[in-house]
Amino acid sequence: MCQSALLPYPTCRSFTIVFIKGVNTQHAFYDPTRSSTVVRLPGKSDRNGVHGKYYTDVFTVGDLPAVRQNFIGIVSTDGNRSLDDWQDSYGFGGQLGLGLRDNESMVGDTFMEGLFKAGAISKKLFALQVSIDSFIQFGAINHTAYVDNILWSPVLTHVGGWAVQSDGYVINNKVVPNTGGPLQFETAATYTTIPERIASKLFAHIDHKLSKFDWDSTSAQLLFKCHISDKETVGYSIKGRKYSLPLKTLINREVSLPCDMRRRPLDSAALIISGATVMAIETDNEVANKSHRSMISSLFMQRFYGIFDSEHDDGKPASIWSPLFAFKLGYDGLYAR
């Protein structure tokens, strides 16, 4: 019997999670007792009061062939807390992790390793563009579809996830000095995270203010006046190649916050680099300043492609092809909604 679940696909996490029917949530649709192919694996997972067991079962996503994959099945929470209140749920029934294997303990192969070992794809390679269609393509990449030369950048393994070294942020086609560092691409991130010390440099020439979140003193959003020149652009640079967008395209004129849902005045706006309900840029001092890391999230990535390579044919470490301005590939790949 085929069972379905709605799963996001974060690129910073290497493990796949599925909510097991019976756990406290409205979004658990998978029942291992009704699967003839499920196998219970040894070990347990306990993360932040959420408890799971390791399983392997036959997975099919989009047009990919059905192959056996490992995942964590969430079976309970501390105090029977609802997973619908869990900060990472957002109505999904778990997550499909596209990240690299990291230092976190896990049983079995990652999702990408499972595809490769099963022969579902010929290379540990996938292209990704976050879009309305949530387009994603695994395996063979049609290089003729791209509008620029491919530029590979080595993955920074000490950062975690798909991160590369950036030259710095770009404002009005100029790299802002002393803003370079690790740049991580994360499809499932609610915000783009920029250290406050960098954000203050990027937008010093534009009228803005820092607005702290009521529920998190370590984070804030930058509010701008709505009337911003068409010539104002923002982006980043990797290996001397610049990727910029008009700042106005990343402005949400009416910002609703999920915790208190209070409207911001219409004469102000938050910078959005997000595909979620909250449209803001986060300046997380406690987290981002420790690692000097910036995280690019979904709305910014809607304008670009990224090709992620788990391992080159010659055995070199993983790398990322720096995204280009979007040039839509064919629709013969995988759709993940």
C-alpha atoms as a PDB file:
ATOM      1  CA  MET A   1       0.000   0.000   0.000  1.00  0.00           C
ATOM      2  CA  CYS A   2       1.353   3.417  -0.979  1.00  0.00           C
ATOM      3  CA  GLN A   3       1.317   6.027   1.794  1.00  0.00           C
ATOM      4  CA  SER A   4       2.027   9.709   1.151  1.00  0.00           C
ATOM      5  CA  ALA A   5       3.425  12.532   3.261  1.00  0.00           C
ATOM      6  CA  LEU A   6       4.077  16.218   2.607  1.00  0.00           C
ATOM      7  CA  LEU A   7       7.798  16.799   3.211  1.00  0.00           C
ATOM      8  CA  PRO A   8       9.996  19.882   2.763  1.00  0.00           C
ATOM      9  CA  TYR A   9      13.559  19.303   1.551  1.00  0.00           C
ATOM     10  CA  PRO A  10      16.112  21.163   3.694  1.00  0.00           C
ATOM     11  CA  THR A  11      19.651  21.255   2.325  1.00  0.00           C
ATOM     12  CA  CYS A  12      21.289  21.739   5.730  1.00  0.00           C
ATOM     13  CA  ARG A  13      20.121  18.439   7.214  1.00  0.00           C
ATOM     14  CA  SER A  14      21.346  15.005   6.222  1.00  0.00           C
ATOM     15  CA  PHE A  15      18.620  12.939   7.866  1.00  0.00           C
ATOM     16  CA  THR A  16      15.043  12.311   6.708  1.00  0.00           C
ATOM     17  CA  ILE A  17      12.195  12.499   9.237  1.00  0.00           C
ATOM     18  CA  VAL A  18       8.659  11.105   8.927  1.00  0.00           C
ATOM     19  CA  PHE A  19       5.929  11.586  11.538  1.00  0.00           C
ATOM     20  CA  ILE A  20       4.475   8.202  12.533  1.00  0.00           C
ATOM     21  CA  LYS A  21       0.704   7.891  12.807  1.00  0.00           C
ATOM     22  CA  GLY A  22      -0.288   8.081  16.464  1.00  0.00           C
ATOM     23  CA  VAL A  23       2.125  10.852  17.456  1.00  0.00           C
ATOM     24  CA  ASN A  24       0.461  14.098  18.559  1.00  0.00           C
ATOM     25  CA  THR A  25       0.040  15.975  15.262  1.00  0.00           C
ATOM     26  CA  GLN A  26      -2.545  16.468  12.529  1.00  0.00           C
ATOM     27  CA  HIS A  27       0.067  15.722   9.870  1.00  0.00           C
ATOM     28  CA  ALA A  28       1.165  12.133  10.562  1.00  0.00           C
ATOM     29  CA  PHE A  29       0.011   9.912   7.691  1.00  0.00           C
ATOM     30  CA  TYR A  30       2.616   7.138   7.673  1.00  0.00           C
ATOM     31  CA  ASP A  31       1.764   3.895   9.477  1.00  0.00           C
ATOM     32  CA  PRO A  32       4.644   1.357   9.457  1.00  0.00           C
ATOM     33  CA  THR A  33       2.287  -1.459  10.488  1.00  0.00           C
ATOM     34  CA  ARG A  34       0.536  -1.122   7.110  1.00  0.00           C
ATOM     35  CA  SER A  35       3.750  -1.393   5.088  1.00  0.00           C
ATOM     36  CA  SER A  36       4.949  -4.780   3.841  1.00  0.00           C
ATOM     37  CA  THR A  37       8.429  -3.405   3.045  1.00  0.00           C
ATOM     38  CA  VAL A  38       9.307  -1.525   6.244  1.00  0.00           C
ATOM     39  CA  VAL A  39      12.235  -2.697   8.388  1.00  0.00           C
ATOM     40  CA  ARG A  40      12.873  -1.444  11.916  1.00  0.00           C
ATOM     41  CA  LEU A  41      16.548  -0.554  12.415  1.00  0.00           C
ATOM     42  CA  PRO A  42      18.436  -0.577  15.740  1.00  0.00           C
ATOM     43  CA  GLY A  43      18.845   2.612  17.705  1.00  0.00           C
ATOM     44  CA  LYS A  44      16.730   5.564  18.796  1.00  0.00           C
ATOM     45  CA  SER A  45      16.745   9.298  18.123  1.00  0.00           C
ATOM     46  CA  ASP A  46      16.138  11.861  20.862  1.00  0.00           C
ATOM     47  CA  ARG A  47      16.322  15.535  19.839  1.00  0.00           C
ATOM     48  CA  ASN A  48      14.926  18.435  21.874  1.00  0.00           C
ATOM     49  CA  GLY A  49      12.136  16.444  23.476  1.00  0.00           C
ATOM     50  CA  VAL A  50      11.152  14.715  20.226  1.00  0.00           C
ATOM     51  CA  HIS A  51      11.698  10.958  20.132  1.00  0.00           C
ATOM     52  CA  GLY A  52      12.017   8.677  17.124  1.00  0.00           C
ATOM     53  CA  LYS A  53      13.009   5.249  15.893  1.00  0.00           C
ATOM     54  CA  TYR A  54      15.084   4.331  12.845  1.00  0.00           C
ATOM     55  CA  TYR A  55      13.355   2.683   9.905  1.00  0.00           C
ATOM     56  CA  THR A  56      14.028   1.779   6.302  1.00  0.00           C
ATOM     57  CA  ASP A  57      11.289   1.531   3.696  1.00  0.00           C
ATOM     58  CA  VAL A  58      10.758   1.958  -0.032  1.00  0.00           C
ATOM     59  CA  PHE A  59      10.578   5.663  -0.914  1.00  0.00           C
ATOM     60  CA  THR A  60       9.405   7.342  -4.098  1.00  0.00           C
ATOM     61  CA  VAL A  61       9.520  11.099  -4.636  1.00  0.00           C
ATOM     62  CA  GLY A  62       8.247  12.771  -7.787  1.00  0.00           C
ATOM     63  CA  ASP A  63       9.499  10.950 -10.880  1.00  0.00           C
ATOM     64  CA  LEU A  64      12.370   9.200  -9.100  1.00  0.00           C
ATOM     65  CA  PRO A  65      12.208   5.397  -9.044  1.00  0.00           C
ATOM     66  CA  ALA A  66      11.181   3.764  -5.791  1.00  0.00           C
ATOM     67  CA  VAL A  67      14.258   2.850  -3.739  1.00  0.00           C
ATOM     68  CA  ARG A  68      14.864   1.829  -0.149  1.00  0.00           C
ATOM     69  CA  GLN A  69      15.684   4.780   2.100  1.00  0.00           C
ATOM     70  CA  ASN A  70      16.510   5.254   5.776  1.00  0.00           C
ATOM     71  CA  PHE A  71      14.587   7.694   7.943  1.00  0.00           C
ATOM     72  CA  ILE A  72      13.748   8.630  11.517  1.00  0.00           C
ATOM     73  CA  GLY A  73      10.129   7.932  12.418  1.00  0.00           C
ATOM     74  CA  ILE A  74       8.910  10.344  15.104  1.00  0.00           C
ATOM     75  CA  VAL A  75       6.826   8.379  17.611  1.00  0.00           C
ATOM     76  CA  SER A  76       6.471  10.598  20.705  1.00  0.00           C
ATOM     77  CA  THR A  77       7.265  13.918  22.370  1.00  0.00           C
ATOM     78  CA  ASP A  78       7.982  14.967  25.936  1.00  0.00           C
ATOM     79  CA  GLY A  79       4.689  15.543  27.713  1.00  0.00           C
ATOM     80  CA  ASN A  80       2.844  14.542  24.536  1.00  0.00           C
ATOM     81  CA  ARG A  81       3.517  18.018  23.151  1.00  0.00           C
ATOM     82  CA  SER A  82       1.896  18.595  19.785  1.00  0.00           C
ATOM     83  CA  LEU A  83       4.269  18.517  16.823  1.00  0.00           C
ATOM     84  CA  ASP A  84       2.042  21.158  15.235  1.00  0.00           C
ATOM     85  CA  ASP A  85       3.620  23.614  17.681  1.00  0.00           C
ATOM     86  CA  TRP A  86       7.115  22.424  16.793  1.00  0.00           C
ATOM     87  CA  GLN A  87       9.023  25.298  15.187  1.00  0.00           C
ATOM     88  CA  ASP A  88      10.092  23.213  12.189  1.00  0.00           C
ATOM     89  CA  SER A  89       6.759  21.564  11.336  1.00  0.00           C
ATOM     90  CA  TYR A  90       4.758  24.277   9.496  1.00  0.00           C
ATOM     91  CA  GLY A  91       2.129  21.710   8.568  1.00  0.00           C
ATOM     92  CA  PHE A  92       4.586  19.209   7.091  1.00  0.00           C
ATOM     93  CA  GLY A  93       4.764  15.533   8.001  1.00  0.00           C
ATOM     94  CA  GLY A  94       8.532  15.562   8.549  1.00  0.00           C
ATOM     95  CA  GLN A  95      11.429  16.479   6.248  1.00  0.00           C
ATOM     96  CA  LEU A  96      13.456  15.011   3.392  1.00  0.00           C
ATOM     97  CA  GLY A  97      17.087  15.836   4.120  1.00  0.00           C
ATOM     98  CA  LEU A  98      19.279  16.654   1.112  1.00  0.00           C
ATOM     99  CA  GLY A  99      22.297  17.632   3.180  1.00  0.00           C
ATOM    100  CA  LEU A 100      25.749  16.113   3.360  1.00  0.00           C
ATOM    101  CA  ARG A 101      26.580  13.503   5.970  1.00  0.00           C
ATOM    102  CA  ASP A 102      27.688  15.339   9.094  1.00  0.00           C
ATOM    103  CA  ASN A 103      28.910  14.557  12.588  1.00  0.00           C
ATOM    104  CA  GLU A 104      25.425  13.929  13.957  1.00  0.00           C
ATOM    105  CA  SER A 105      24.761  10.304  14.766  1.00  0.00           C
ATOM    106  CA  MET A 106      22.559   8.593  12.199  1.00  0.00           C
ATOM    107  CA  VAL A 107      21.826   5.055  11.097  1.00  0.00           C
ATOM    108  CA  GLY A 108      22.333   4.032   7.476  1.00  0.00           C
ATOM    109  CA  ASP A 109      22.721   6.122   4.333  1.00  0.00           C
ATOM    110  CA  THR A 110      21.579   9.676   3.738  1.00  0.00           C
ATOM    111  CA  PHE A 111      18.860  10.268   1.142  1.00  0.00           C
ATOM    112  CA  MET A 112      21.394  11.213  -1.545  1.00  0.00           C
ATOM    113  CA  GLU A 113      23.596   8.220  -0.690  1.00  0.00           C
ATOM    114  CA  GLY A 114      20.546   5.970  -0.927  1.00  0.00           C
ATOM    115  CA  LEU A 115      19.696   7.229  -4.418  1.00  0.00           C
ATOM    116  CA  PHE A 116      23.253   6.732  -5.600  1.00  0.00           C
ATOM    117  CA  LYS A 117      23.754   3.251  -4.125  1.00  0.00           C
ATOM    118  CA  ALA A 118      20.433   2.057  -5.541  1.00  0.00           C
ATOM    119  CA  GLY A 119      21.403   3.222  -9.014  1.00  0.00           C
ATOM    120  CA  ALA A 120      18.492   5.686  -9.139  1.00  0.00           C
ATOM    121  CA  ILE A 121      20.907   8.408 -10.252  1.00  0.00           C
ATOM    122  CA  SER A 122      24.215   8.000 -12.043  1.00  0.00           C
ATOM    123  CA  LYS A 123      26.042  10.709 -10.120  1.00  0.00           C
ATOM    124  CA  LYS A 124      25.794  12.217  -6.649  1.00  0.00           C
ATOM    125  CA  LEU A 125      24.575  15.396  -8.255  1.00  0.00           C
ATOM    126  CA  PHE A 126      21.408  17.447  -8.169  1.00  0.00           C
ATOM    127  CA  ALA A 127      20.277  20.836  -9.401  1.00  0.00           C
ATOM    128  CA  LEU A 128      17.963  22.979  -7.343  1.00  0.00           C
ATOM    129  CA  GLN A 129      15.866  26.062  -7.856  1.00  0.00           C
ATOM    130  CA  VAL A 130      13.320  27.081  -5.271  1.00  0.00           C
ATOM    131  CA  SER A 131      10.260  28.210  -7.227  1.00  0.00           C
ATOM    132  CA  ILE A 132       6.478  28.156  -7.277  1.00  0.00           C
ATOM    133  CA  ASP A 133       6.783  24.686  -8.776  1.00  0.00           C
ATOM    134  CA  SER A 134       9.423  23.642  -6.215  1.00  0.00           C
ATOM    135  CA  PHE A 135      11.480  22.372  -9.126  1.00  0.00           C
ATOM    136  CA  ILE A 136      14.342  20.005  -8.410  1.00  0.00           C
ATOM    137  CA  GLN A 137      16.339  17.691 -10.655  1.00  0.00           C
ATOM    138  CA  PHE A 138      18.605  14.799  -9.681  1.00  0.00           C
ATOM    139  CA  GLY A 139      21.248  12.958 -11.614  1.00  0.00           C
ATOM    140  CA  ALA A 140      22.311  13.971 -15.121  1.00  0.00           C
ATOM    141  CA  ILE A 141      22.473  17.741 -15.539  1.00  0.00           C
ATOM    142  CA  ASN A 142      21.838  19.381 -18.905  1.00  0.00           C
ATOM    143  CA  HIS A 143      24.765  21.789 -18.960  1.00  0.00           C
ATOM    144  CA  THR A 144      23.597  23.318 -22.257  1.00  0.00           C
ATOM    145  CA  ALA A 145      20.626  24.834 -20.426  1.00  0.00           C
ATOM    146  CA  TYR A 146      22.796  27.253 -18.471  1.00  0.00           C
ATOM    147  CA  VAL A 147      23.578  30.806 -19.496  1.00  0.00           C
ATOM    148  CA  ASP A 148      27.025  31.089 -17.951  1.00  0.00           C
ATOM    149  CA  ASN A 149      30.139  29.017 -17.314  1.00  0.00           C
ATOM    150  CA  ILE A 150      29.932  26.622 -14.400  1.00  0.00           C
ATOM    151  CA  LEU A 151      31.888  27.813 -11.384  1.00  0.00           C
ATOM    152  CA  TRP A 152      32.559  25.171  -8.744  1.00  0.00           C
ATOM    153  CA  SER A 153      33.304  26.132  -5.153  1.00  0.00           C
ATOM    154  CA  PRO A 154      34.510  23.656  -2.493  1.00  0.00           C
ATOM    155  CA  VAL A 155      32.139  22.951   0.367  1.00  0.00           C
ATOM    156  CA  LEU A 156      33.294  24.259   3.755  1.00  0.00           C
ATOM    157  CA  THR A 157      33.000  21.075   5.767  1.00  0.00           C
ATOM    158  CA  HIS A 158      33.553  22.840   9.106  1.00  0.00           C
ATOM    159  CA  VAL A 159      30.392  24.929   8.653  1.00  0.00           C
ATOM    160  CA  GLY A 160      27.839  22.190   8.010  1.00  0.00           C
ATOM    161  CA  GLY A 161      25.347  21.970   5.173  1.00  0.00           C
ATOM    162  CA  TRP A 162      26.020  23.299   1.674  1.00  0.00           C
ATOM    163  CA  ALA A 163      28.253  26.288   2.412  1.00  0.00           C
ATOM    164  CA  VAL A 164      30.995  27.977   0.388  1.00  0.00           C
ATOM    165  CA  GLN A 165      33.404  30.839   0.973  1.00  0.00           C
ATOM    166  CA  SER A 166      32.067  34.157  -0.324  1.00  0.00           C
ATOM    167  CA  ASP A 167      34.063  37.254  -1.247  1.00  0.00           C
ATOM    168  CA  GLY A 168      31.439  39.358   0.480  1.00  0.00           C
ATOM    169  CA  TYR A 169      28.030  40.894   0.026  1.00  0.00           C
ATOM    170  CA  VAL A 170      27.378  43.087  -2.987  1.00  0.00           C
ATOM    171  CA  ILE A 171      25.530  46.404  -2.784  1.00  0.00           C
ATOM    172  CA  ASN A 172      24.891  48.298  -6.026  1.00  0.00           C
ATOM    173  CA  ASN A 173      27.321  46.003  -7.877  1.00  0.00           C
ATOM    174  CA  LYS A 174      30.181  46.664  -5.444  1.00  0.00           C
ATOM    175  CA  VAL A 175      31.552  44.181  -2.931  1.00  0.00           C
ATOM    176  CA  VAL A 176      31.303  45.601   0.580  1.00  0.00           C
ATOM    177  CA  PRO A 177      34.718  45.214   2.294  1.00  0.00           C
ATOM    178  CA  ASN A 178      35.050  42.855   5.267  1.00  0.00           C
ATOM    179  CA  THR A 179      31.708  41.098   4.685  1.00  0.00           C
ATOM    180  CA  GLY A 180      33.073  37.846   3.257  1.00  0.00           C
ATOM    181  CA  GLY A 181      32.835  34.475   4.955  1.00  0.00           C
ATOM    182  CA  PRO A 182      30.907  31.212   4.825  1.00  0.00           C
ATOM    183  CA  LEU A 183      27.700  31.443   2.799  1.00  0.00           C
ATOM    184  CA  GLN A 184      25.228  28.615   3.292  1.00  0.00           C
ATOM    185  CA  PHE A 185      22.336  27.794   0.956  1.00  0.00           C
ATOM    186  CA  GLU A 186      19.267  26.539   2.807  1.00  0.00           C
ATOM    187  CA  THR A 187      15.971  25.912   1.047  1.00  0.00           C
ATOM    188  CA  ALA A 188      13.977  25.371   4.243  1.00  0.00           C
ATOM    189  CA  ALA A 189      15.258  28.383   6.201  1.00  0.00           C
ATOM    190  CA  THR A 190      12.588  30.856   7.274  1.00  0.00           C
ATOM    191  CA  TYR A 191      15.016  33.768   7.188  1.00  0.00           C
ATOM    192  CA  THR A 192      18.248  34.678   5.578  1.00  0.00           C
ATOM    193  CA  THR A 193      20.609  35.046   8.525  1.00  0.00           C
ATOM    194  CA  ILE A 194      23.241  37.780   8.446  1.00  0.00           C
ATOM    195  CA  PRO A 195      25.412  38.822  11.409  1.00  0.00           C
ATOM    196  CA  GLU A 196      24.334  42.241  12.630  1.00  0.00           C
ATOM    197  CA  ARG A 197      27.830  43.678  12.185  1.00  0.00           C
ATOM    198  CA  ILE A 198      27.615  42.852   8.455  1.00  0.00           C
ATOM    199  CA  ALA A 199      24.012  43.969   7.993  1.00  0.00           C
ATOM    200  CA  SER A 200      24.842  47.390   9.447  1.00  0.00           C
ATOM    201  CA  LYS A 201      27.515  47.851   6.771  1.00  0.00           C
ATOM    202  CA  LEU A 202      25.332  46.696   3.909  1.00  0.00           C
ATOM    203  CA  PHE A 203      22.496  49.116   4.508  1.00  0.00           C
ATOM    204  CA  ALA A 204      24.199  52.065   6.169  1.00  0.00           C
ATOM    205  CA  HIS A 205      23.263  54.268   3.186  1.00  0.00           C
ATOM    206  CA  ILE A 206      19.552  53.378   3.314  1.00  0.00           C
ATOM    207  CA  ASP A 207      17.045  54.628   5.875  1.00  0.00           C
ATOM    208  CA  HIS A 208      16.261  51.636   8.083  1.00  0.00           C
ATOM    209  CA  LYS A 209      15.889  50.505  11.672  1.00  0.00           C
ATOM    210  CA  LEU A 210      16.504  47.330  13.626  1.00  0.00           C
ATOM    211  CA  SER A 211      13.401  45.804  15.180  1.00  0.00           C
ATOM    212  CA  LYS A 212      13.934  43.130  17.833  1.00  0.00           C
ATOM    213  CA  PHE A 213      11.572  40.180  18.031  1.00  0.00           C
ATOM    214  CA  ASP A 214       9.489  40.053  21.218  1.00  0.00           C
ATOM    215  CA  TRP A 215       9.991  36.304  21.577  1.00  0.00           C
ATOM    216  CA  ASP A 216      13.728  36.150  20.792  1.00  0.00           C
ATOM    217  CA  SER A 217      16.139  38.781  22.085  1.00  0.00           C
ATOM    218  CA  THR A 218      19.031  37.406  19.992  1.00  0.00           C
ATOM    219  CA  SER A 219      17.293  38.040  16.661  1.00  0.00           C
ATOM    220  CA  ALA A 220      15.839  41.021  14.848  1.00  0.00           C
ATOM    221  CA  GLN A 221      14.549  42.189  11.495  1.00  0.00           C
ATOM    222  CA  LEU A 222      15.577  45.187   9.446  1.00  0.00           C
ATOM    223  CA  LEU A 223      12.753  47.558   8.520  1.00  0.00           C
ATOM    224  CA  PHE A 224      13.082  49.860   5.500  1.00  0.00           C
ATOM    225  CA  LYS A 225      11.049  52.691   4.048  1.00  0.00           C
ATOM    226  CA  CYS A 226       8.895  51.352   1.240  1.00  0.00           C
ATOM    227  CA  HIS A 227      10.076  53.864  -1.335  1.00  0.00           C
ATOM    228  CA  ILE A 228      13.424  52.467  -2.457  1.00  0.00           C
ATOM    229  CA  SER A 229      15.128  53.339  -5.726  1.00  0.00           C
ATOM    230  CA  ASP A 230      15.045  50.800  -8.548  1.00  0.00           C
ATOM    231  CA  LYS A 231      18.818  51.174  -8.745  1.00  0.00           C
ATOM    232  CA  GLU A 232      19.393  49.759  -5.246  1.00  0.00           C
ATOM    233  CA  THR A 233      20.598  46.150  -5.547  1.00  0.00           C
ATOM    234  CA  VAL A 234      21.770  43.520  -3.074  1.00  0.00           C
ATOM    235  CA  GLY A 235      23.568  40.213  -3.572  1.00  0.00           C
ATOM    236  CA  TYR A 236      26.819  38.373  -2.913  1.00  0.00           C
ATOM    237  CA  SER A 237      30.067  37.490  -4.655  1.00  0.00           C
ATOM    238  CA  ILE A 238      31.740  34.074  -4.998  1.00  0.00           C
ATOM    239  CA  LYS A 239      35.133  33.686  -6.661  1.00  0.00           C
ATOM    240  CA  GLY A 240      34.818  37.120  -8.207  1.00  0.00           C
ATOM    241  CA  ARG A 241      31.388  36.449  -9.707  1.00  0.00           C
ATOM    242  CA  LYS A 242      28.570  38.695  -8.496  1.00  0.00           C
ATOM    243  CA  TYR A 243      24.933  37.737  -8.055  1.00  0.00           C
ATOM    244  CA  SER A 244      22.589  40.652  -7.392  1.00  0.00           C
ATOM    245  CA  LEU A 245      18.889  41.459  -7.337  1.00  0.00           C
ATOM    246  CA  PRO A 246      16.974  44.745  -7.065  1.00  0.00           C
ATOM    247  CA  LEU A 247      16.358  45.425  -3.385  1.00  0.00           C
ATOM    248  CA  LYS A 248      12.724  46.294  -4.175  1.00  0.00           C
ATOM    249  CA  THR A 249      12.080  42.714  -5.269  1.00  0.00           C
ATOM    250  CA  LEU A 250      12.969  41.596  -1.738  1.00  0.00           C
ATOM    251  CA  ILE A 251      10.656  43.996   0.044  1.00  0.00           C
ATOM    252  CA  ASN A 252       7.369  42.996   1.626  1.00  0.00           C
ATOM    253  CA  ARG A 253       5.219  46.060   2.251  1.00  0.00           C
ATOM    254  CA  GLU A 254       2.997  44.488   4.880  1.00  0.00           C
ATOM    255  CA  VAL A 255       4.751  42.231   7.368  1.00  0.00           C
ATOM    256  CA  SER A 256       2.786  39.800   9.518  1.00  0.00           C
ATOM    257  CA  LEU A 257       4.636  38.041  12.306  1.00  0.00           C
ATOM    258  CA  PRO A 258       3.477  34.499  13.097  1.00  0.00           C
ATOM    259  CA  CYS A 259       3.622  34.790  16.886  1.00  0.00           C
ATOM    260  CA  ASP A 260       1.609  37.968  17.434  1.00  0.00           C
ATOM    261  CA  MET A 261       0.295  38.648  13.872  1.00  0.00           C
ATOM    262  CA  ARG A 262       0.474  42.413  14.432  1.00  0.00           C
ATOM    263  CA  ARG A 263       0.702  44.586  11.325  1.00  0.00           C
ATOM    264  CA  ARG A 264       3.691  46.817  10.746  1.00  0.00           C
ATOM    265  CA  PRO A 265       2.910  50.386   9.584  1.00  0.00           C
ATOM    266  CA  LEU A 266       2.466  50.614   5.832  1.00  0.00           C
ATOM    267  CA  ASP A 267       5.261  53.174   5.564  1.00  0.00           C
ATOM    268  CA  SER A 268       7.829  50.566   6.559  1.00  0.00           C
ATOM    269  CA  ALA A 269       8.833  47.213   5.135  1.00  0.00           C
ATOM    270  CA  ALA A 270      11.021  44.276   6.007  1.00  0.00           C
ATOM    271  CA  LEU A 271      13.683  42.903   3.715  1.00  0.00           C
ATOM    272  CA  ILE A 272      12.559  39.471   2.622  1.00  0.00           C
ATOM    273  CA  ILE A 273      14.773  36.603   1.661  1.00  0.00           C
ATOM    274  CA  SER A 274      12.274  33.960   2.590  1.00  0.00           C
ATOM    275  CA  GLY A 275       9.528  31.794   1.190  1.00  0.00           C
ATOM    276  CA  ALA A 276       7.646  31.442   4.447  1.00  0.00           C
ATOM    277  CA  THR A 277       4.947  33.600   6.057  1.00  0.00           C
ATOM    278  CA  VAL A 278       7.406  35.870   7.827  1.00  0.00           C
ATOM    279  CA  MET A 279       9.241  38.073   5.362  1.00  0.00           C
ATOM    280  CA  ALA A 280      12.319  39.420   7.075  1.00  0.00           C
ATOM    281  CA  ILE A 281      16.064  39.348   7.276  1.00  0.00           C
ATOM    282  CA  GLU A 282      17.366  38.024  10.562  1.00  0.00           C
ATOM    283  CA  THR A 283      20.404  39.436  12.318  1.00  0.00           C
ATOM    284  CA  ASP A 284      21.141  36.630  14.719  1.00  0.00           C
ATOM    285  CA  ASN A 285      24.096  37.738  16.825  1.00  0.00           C
ATOM    286  CA  GLU A 286      24.263  34.732  19.124  1.00  0.00           C
ATOM    287  CA  VAL A 287      24.434  32.183  16.301  1.00  0.00           C
ATOM    288  CA  ALA A 288      25.711  33.941  13.209  1.00  0.00           C
ATOM    289  CA  ASN A 289      28.450  36.008  14.827  1.00  0.00           C
ATOM    290  CA  LYS A 290      30.014  32.920  16.374  1.00  0.00           C
ATOM    291  CA  SER A 291      30.549  31.264  13.027  1.00  0.00           C
ATOM    292  CA  HIS A 292      30.651  34.438  10.899  1.00  0.00           C
ATOM    293  CA  ARG A 293      28.201  32.582   8.682  1.00  0.00           C
ATOM    294  CA  SER A 294      25.442  33.952   6.485  1.00  0.00           C
ATOM    295  CA  MET A 295      22.546  31.770   5.364  1.00  0.00           C
ATOM    296  CA  ILE A 296      20.735  32.368   2.083  1.00  0.00           C
ATOM    297  CA  SER A 297      17.147  31.108   2.199  1.00  0.00           C
ATOM    298  CA  SER A 298      14.344  30.330  -0.173  1.00  0.00           C
ATOM    299  CA  LEU A 299      13.026  33.565  -1.690  1.00  0.00           C
ATOM    300  CA  PHE A 300      16.495  34.768  -2.637  1.00  0.00           C
ATOM    301  CA  MET A 301      17.151  31.333  -4.128  1.00  0.00           C
ATOM    302  CA  GLN A 302      14.043  31.590  -6.304  1.00  0.00           C
ATOM    303  CA  ARG A 303      16.095  33.833  -8.561  1.00  0.00           C
ATOM    304  CA  PHE A 304      19.031  31.428  -8.914  1.00  0.00           C
ATOM    305  CA  TYR A 305      20.017  27.868  -9.658  1.00  0.00           C
ATOM    306  CA  GLY A 306      22.374  25.800  -7.564  1.00  0.00           C
ATOM    307  CA  ILE A 307      24.011  22.537  -8.538  1.00  0.00           C
ATOM    308  CA  PHE A 308      25.224  20.450  -5.621  1.00  0.00           C
ATOM    309  CA  ASP A 309      27.825  17.724  -6.103  1.00  0.00           C
ATOM    310  CA  SER A 310      28.319  15.224  -3.276  1.00  0.00           C
ATOM    311  CA  GLU A 311      31.506  13.854  -4.781  1.00  0.00           C
ATOM    312  CA  HIS A 312      33.335  14.425  -8.059  1.00  0.00           C
ATOM    313  CA  ASP A 313      34.195  11.468 -10.279  1.00  0.00           C
ATOM    314  CA  ASP A 314      37.854  12.000  -9.396  1.00  0.00           C
ATOM    315  CA  GLY A 315      37.107  11.641  -5.682  1.00  0.00           C
ATOM    316  CA  LYS A 316      37.566  15.306  -4.806  1.00  0.00           C
ATOM    317  CA  PRO A 317      35.501  16.742  -1.935  1.00  0.00           C
ATOM    318  CA  ALA A 318      31.944  17.962  -2.331  1.00  0.00           C
ATOM    319  CA  SER A 319      31.341  21.278  -4.008  1.00  0.00           C
ATOM    320  CA  ILE A 320      28.653  23.707  -5.072  1.00  0.00           C
ATOM    321  CA  TRP A 321      28.180  25.332  -8.421  1.00  0.00           C
ATOM    322  CA  SER A 322      27.598  28.996  -7.674  1.00  0.00           C
ATOM    323  CA  PRO A 323      24.014  29.807  -8.703  1.00  0.00           C
ATOM    324  CA  LEU A 324      23.257  31.685 -11.887  1.00  0.00           C
ATOM    325  CA  PHE A 325      20.336  33.908 -12.651  1.00  0.00           C
ATOM    326  CA  ALA A 326      17.491  31.492 -13.194  1.00  0.00           C
ATOM    327  CA  PHE A 327      17.163  29.791 -16.562  1.00  0.00           C
ATOM    328  CA  LYS A 328      14.424  27.225 -16.163  1.00  0.00           C
ATOM    329  CA  LEU A 329      15.403  23.641 -16.874  1.00  0.00           C
ATOM    330  CA  GLY A 330      13.038  21.128 -18.435  1.00  0.00           C
ATOM    331  CA  TYR A 331      10.182  19.628 -16.496  1.00  0.00           C
ATOM    332  CA  ASP A 332      11.532  16.071 -16.614  1.00  0.00           C
ATOM    333  CA  GLY A 333      12.949  16.204 -13.107  1.00  0.00           C
ATOM    334  CA  LEU A 334      11.492  15.775  -9.649  1.00  0.00           C
ATOM    335  CA  TYR A 335       8.749  17.882  -8.167  1.00  0.00           C
ATOM    336  CA  ALA A 336       8.763  18.025  -4.392  1.00  0.00           C
ATOM    337  CA  ARG A 337       5.876  19.900  -2.827  1.00  0.00           C
END
